[in-house]
């Protein structure tokens, strides 16, 4: 199954579950609270670091676990990398997927990205099984990198 087909399958599955729950009056806890003291951060690169056009971003999370999208386990979530995002999207809704907001719904804890030369910002947001940030959104500090 291709990545696009996998994402489509997971999206259809989640939408089906939501529609079923609504039709049958079942409440789905879509945005749980993150545990007190949980922390999301970028391990590398470091803030202000100069990097090559293709570089690895390592995600850090403490006080919670990582679970793939679609897996509804308490005190877990999966990473979303925001690249050059100045205005955060509505954090009460599923995070959109586009060239600036990249979903790691497989539970990935690092990625290799390629950016054009210049200054860029990176930030992580943790989403629950439906890509919705927790009620007290868990976000990393925004870091700046310079791509050479």
C-alpha atoms as a PDB file:
ATOM      1  CA  UNK A   1       0.000   0.000   0.000  1.00  0.00           C
ATOM      2  CA  UNK A   2       1.413   3.412  -0.918  1.00  0.00           C
ATOM      3  CA  UNK A   3       1.826   6.194   1.650  1.00  0.00           C
ATOM      4  CA  UNK A   4      -1.020   8.165   0.038  1.00  0.00           C
ATOM      5  CA  UNK A   5      -3.314   5.139   0.135  1.00  0.00           C
ATOM      6  CA  UNK A   6      -2.396   4.482   3.777  1.00  0.00           C
ATOM      7  CA  UNK A   7      -3.215   8.067   4.741  1.00  0.00           C
ATOM      8  CA  UNK A   8      -6.492   7.907   2.834  1.00  0.00           C
ATOM      9  CA  UNK A   9      -7.396   4.611   4.522  1.00  0.00           C
ATOM     10  CA  UNK A  10      -6.670   5.982   8.013  1.00  0.00           C
ATOM     11  CA  UNK A  11      -8.628   9.176   7.256  1.00  0.00           C
ATOM     12  CA  UNK A  12     -11.661   7.228   5.976  1.00  0.00           C
ATOM     13  CA  UNK A  13     -11.483   4.920   8.999  1.00  0.00           C
ATOM     14  CA  UNK A  14     -11.397   7.846  11.443  1.00  0.00           C
ATOM     15  CA  UNK A  15     -14.238   9.656   9.654  1.00  0.00           C
ATOM     16  CA  UNK A  16     -16.320   6.466   9.652  1.00  0.00           C
ATOM     17  CA  UNK A  17     -15.790   6.057  13.398  1.00  0.00           C
ATOM     18  CA  UNK A  18     -16.825   9.662  14.037  1.00  0.00           C
ATOM     19  CA  UNK A  19     -19.962   9.348  11.885  1.00  0.00           C
ATOM     20  CA  UNK A  20     -20.906   6.052  13.557  1.00  0.00           C
ATOM     21  CA  UNK A  21     -20.433   7.556  17.007  1.00  0.00           C
ATOM     22  CA  UNK A  22     -22.518  10.612  16.137  1.00  0.00           C
ATOM     23  CA  UNK A  23     -25.305   8.490  14.654  1.00  0.00           C
ATOM     24  CA  UNK A  24     -25.431   6.224  17.714  1.00  0.00           C
ATOM     25  CA  UNK A  25     -25.056   8.953  20.322  1.00  0.00           C
ATOM     26  CA  UNK A  26     -21.644   7.748  21.448  1.00  0.00           C
ATOM     27  CA  UNK A  27     -19.266  10.368  22.791  1.00  0.00           C
ATOM     28  CA  UNK A  28     -15.702  10.108  21.550  1.00  0.00           C
ATOM     29  CA  UNK A  29     -13.108  11.809  23.738  1.00  0.00           C
ATOM     30  CA  UNK A  30     -11.385  13.624  20.905  1.00  0.00           C
ATOM     31  CA  UNK A  31      -9.091  15.986  22.817  1.00  0.00           C
ATOM     32  CA  UNK A  32      -7.774  14.613  26.072  1.00  0.00           C
ATOM     33  CA  UNK A  33      -5.564  16.590  28.393  1.00  0.00           C
ATOM     34  CA  UNK A  34      -1.845  15.964  28.253  1.00  0.00           C
ATOM     35  CA  UNK A  35      -0.420  14.884  31.616  1.00  0.00           C
ATOM     36  CA  UNK A  36       0.969  17.592  33.882  1.00  0.00           C
ATOM     37  CA  UNK A  37       4.684  18.003  33.234  1.00  0.00           C
ATOM     38  CA  UNK A  38       4.672  16.400  29.766  1.00  0.00           C
ATOM     39  CA  UNK A  39       7.157  18.077  27.446  1.00  0.00           C
ATOM     40  CA  UNK A  40       7.668  18.140  23.675  1.00  0.00           C
ATOM     41  CA  UNK A  41      10.970  19.334  22.211  1.00  0.00           C
ATOM     42  CA  UNK A  42      13.307  19.149  19.241  1.00  0.00           C
ATOM     43  CA  UNK A  43      16.454  17.185  20.103  1.00  0.00           C
ATOM     44  CA  UNK A  44      18.284  18.213  16.960  1.00  0.00           C
ATOM     45  CA  UNK A  45      19.077  20.400  15.215  1.00  0.00           C
ATOM     46  CA  UNK A  46      19.716  22.963  17.929  1.00  0.00           C
ATOM     47  CA  UNK A  47      18.235  26.462  17.846  1.00  0.00           C
ATOM     48  CA  UNK A  48      20.353  28.690  15.583  1.00  0.00           C
ATOM     49  CA  UNK A  49      22.252  25.777  14.018  1.00  0.00           C
ATOM     50  CA  UNK A  50      23.478  25.904  10.413  1.00  0.00           C
ATOM     51  CA  UNK A  51      22.419  22.787   8.503  1.00  0.00           C
ATOM     52  CA  UNK A  52      22.774  21.364   5.005  1.00  0.00           C
ATOM     53  CA  UNK A  53      19.765  21.379   2.667  1.00  0.00           C
ATOM     54  CA  UNK A  54      18.891  17.829   3.694  1.00  0.00           C
ATOM     55  CA  UNK A  55      19.098  17.203   7.430  1.00  0.00           C
ATOM     56  CA  UNK A  56      17.622  15.065  10.188  1.00  0.00           C
ATOM     57  CA  UNK A  57      15.154  16.389  12.759  1.00  0.00           C
ATOM     58  CA  UNK A  58      14.914  14.308  15.967  1.00  0.00           C
ATOM     59  CA  UNK A  59      11.763  14.643  18.073  1.00  0.00           C
ATOM     60  CA  UNK A  60      11.771  14.500  21.872  1.00  0.00           C
ATOM     61  CA  UNK A  61       8.848  13.724  24.180  1.00  0.00           C
ATOM     62  CA  UNK A  62       8.822  13.152  27.930  1.00  0.00           C
ATOM     63  CA  UNK A  63       5.933  12.337  30.240  1.00  0.00           C
ATOM     64  CA  UNK A  64       3.912  10.717  27.440  1.00  0.00           C
ATOM     65  CA  UNK A  65       4.235   7.959  24.875  1.00  0.00           C
ATOM     66  CA  UNK A  66       4.120   7.906  21.101  1.00  0.00           C
ATOM     67  CA  UNK A  67       1.353   5.985  19.332  1.00  0.00           C
ATOM     68  CA  UNK A  68       0.394   5.951  15.646  1.00  0.00           C
ATOM     69  CA  UNK A  69      -2.573   7.938  14.358  1.00  0.00           C
ATOM     70  CA  UNK A  70      -5.789   5.999  14.797  1.00  0.00           C
ATOM     71  CA  UNK A  71      -4.581   4.299  18.006  1.00  0.00           C
ATOM     72  CA  UNK A  72      -6.600   5.709  20.911  1.00  0.00           C
ATOM     73  CA  UNK A  73      -4.415   5.216  23.984  1.00  0.00           C
ATOM     74  CA  UNK A  74      -4.395   7.546  26.977  1.00  0.00           C
ATOM     75  CA  UNK A  75      -1.291   9.718  27.458  1.00  0.00           C
ATOM     76  CA  UNK A  76      -0.051   9.189  23.911  1.00  0.00           C
ATOM     77  CA  UNK A  77       0.104  11.135  20.686  1.00  0.00           C
ATOM     78  CA  UNK A  78       2.067  11.486  17.490  1.00  0.00           C
ATOM     79  CA  UNK A  79       4.249  14.251  16.101  1.00  0.00           C
ATOM     80  CA  UNK A  80       3.468  17.003  13.635  1.00  0.00           C
ATOM     81  CA  UNK A  81       6.348  19.148  12.358  1.00  0.00           C
ATOM     82  CA  UNK A  82       5.528  22.756  11.555  1.00  0.00           C
ATOM     83  CA  UNK A  83       7.936  24.332   9.083  1.00  0.00           C
ATOM     84  CA  UNK A  84       7.898  28.119   8.688  1.00  0.00           C
ATOM     85  CA  UNK A  85       4.445  28.402  10.278  1.00  0.00           C
ATOM     86  CA  UNK A  86       3.891  31.904  11.661  1.00  0.00           C
ATOM     87  CA  UNK A  87       0.234  31.515  12.654  1.00  0.00           C
ATOM     88  CA  UNK A  88      -0.844  28.307  14.340  1.00  0.00           C
ATOM     89  CA  UNK A  89      -3.917  26.565  12.919  1.00  0.00           C
ATOM     90  CA  UNK A  90      -7.024  26.061  15.085  1.00  0.00           C
ATOM     91  CA  UNK A  91      -5.708  23.712  17.780  1.00  0.00           C
ATOM     92  CA  UNK A  92      -9.205  22.464  18.642  1.00  0.00           C
ATOM     93  CA  UNK A  93      -9.472  20.728  15.261  1.00  0.00           C
ATOM     94  CA  UNK A  94      -7.383  18.102  13.453  1.00  0.00           C
ATOM     95  CA  UNK A  95      -4.148  19.637  12.217  1.00  0.00           C
ATOM     96  CA  UNK A  96      -4.171  20.123   8.457  1.00  0.00           C
ATOM     97  CA  UNK A  97      -1.608  18.257   6.366  1.00  0.00           C
ATOM     98  CA  UNK A  98       0.285  20.386   3.884  1.00  0.00           C
ATOM     99  CA  UNK A  99       3.853  21.311   2.910  1.00  0.00           C
ATOM    100  CA  UNK A 100       4.251  23.307   6.146  1.00  0.00           C
ATOM    101  CA  UNK A 101       2.519  20.925   8.568  1.00  0.00           C
ATOM    102  CA  UNK A 102       3.870  17.409   8.187  1.00  0.00           C
ATOM    103  CA  UNK A 103       2.158  14.504   9.957  1.00  0.00           C
ATOM    104  CA  UNK A 104       4.121  11.610  11.423  1.00  0.00           C
ATOM    105  CA  UNK A 105       1.111   9.401  12.037  1.00  0.00           C
ATOM    106  CA  UNK A 106       3.186   6.240  11.945  1.00  0.00           C
ATOM    107  CA  UNK A 107       4.699   7.153  15.304  1.00  0.00           C
ATOM    108  CA  UNK A 108       8.005   8.322  13.844  1.00  0.00           C
ATOM    109  CA  UNK A 109      10.419  10.059  16.215  1.00  0.00           C
ATOM    110  CA  UNK A 110      12.736  11.522  13.593  1.00  0.00           C
ATOM    111  CA  UNK A 111      12.659  12.542   9.957  1.00  0.00           C
ATOM    112  CA  UNK A 112      14.918  13.709   7.181  1.00  0.00           C
ATOM    113  CA  UNK A 113      13.758  16.892   5.478  1.00  0.00           C
ATOM    114  CA  UNK A 114      15.074  19.036   2.639  1.00  0.00           C
ATOM    115  CA  UNK A 115      14.657  22.802   2.717  1.00  0.00           C
ATOM    116  CA  UNK A 116      15.914  25.543   0.390  1.00  0.00           C
ATOM    117  CA  UNK A 117      18.812  27.739   1.542  1.00  0.00           C
ATOM    118  CA  UNK A 118      17.866  30.469   3.976  1.00  0.00           C
ATOM    119  CA  UNK A 119      16.417  30.882   7.450  1.00  0.00           C
ATOM    120  CA  UNK A 120      13.608  28.578   8.572  1.00  0.00           C
ATOM    121  CA  UNK A 121      11.633  27.804  11.721  1.00  0.00           C
ATOM    122  CA  UNK A 122      10.732  24.370  13.067  1.00  0.00           C
ATOM    123  CA  UNK A 123       8.224  23.498  15.777  1.00  0.00           C
ATOM    124  CA  UNK A 124       6.537  20.304  16.954  1.00  0.00           C
ATOM    125  CA  UNK A 125       2.893  19.890  17.963  1.00  0.00           C
ATOM    126  CA  UNK A 126       1.653  16.626  19.453  1.00  0.00           C
ATOM    127  CA  UNK A 127      -1.668  15.363  18.137  1.00  0.00           C
ATOM    128  CA  UNK A 128      -3.908  12.621  19.476  1.00  0.00           C
ATOM    129  CA  UNK A 129      -5.142   9.626  17.497  1.00  0.00           C
ATOM    130  CA  UNK A 130      -7.280  11.960  15.350  1.00  0.00           C
ATOM    131  CA  UNK A 131      -4.494  14.549  14.761  1.00  0.00           C
ATOM    132  CA  UNK A 132      -6.141  16.918  17.278  1.00  0.00           C
ATOM    133  CA  UNK A 133      -3.805  18.628  19.762  1.00  0.00           C
ATOM    134  CA  UNK A 134      -4.527  17.872  23.411  1.00  0.00           C
ATOM    135  CA  UNK A 135      -6.784  20.220  25.422  1.00  0.00           C
ATOM    136  CA  UNK A 136      -3.637  21.793  26.830  1.00  0.00           C
ATOM    137  CA  UNK A 137      -1.685  21.685  23.553  1.00  0.00           C
ATOM    138  CA  UNK A 138       1.766  20.184  23.805  1.00  0.00           C
ATOM    139  CA  UNK A 139       4.116  22.220  21.599  1.00  0.00           C
ATOM    140  CA  UNK A 140       7.862  22.508  21.393  1.00  0.00           C
ATOM    141  CA  UNK A 141       9.739  25.752  21.481  1.00  0.00           C
ATOM    142  CA  UNK A 142      10.039  27.134  17.940  1.00  0.00           C
ATOM    143  CA  UNK A 143      13.632  26.894  16.772  1.00  0.00           C
ATOM    144  CA  UNK A 144      15.406  28.622  13.936  1.00  0.00           C
ATOM    145  CA  UNK A 145      17.827  26.956  11.542  1.00  0.00           C
ATOM    146  CA  UNK A 146      19.877  28.362   8.692  1.00  0.00           C
ATOM    147  CA  UNK A 147      20.055  26.129   5.653  1.00  0.00           C
ATOM    148  CA  UNK A 148      23.303  26.565   3.721  1.00  0.00           C
END
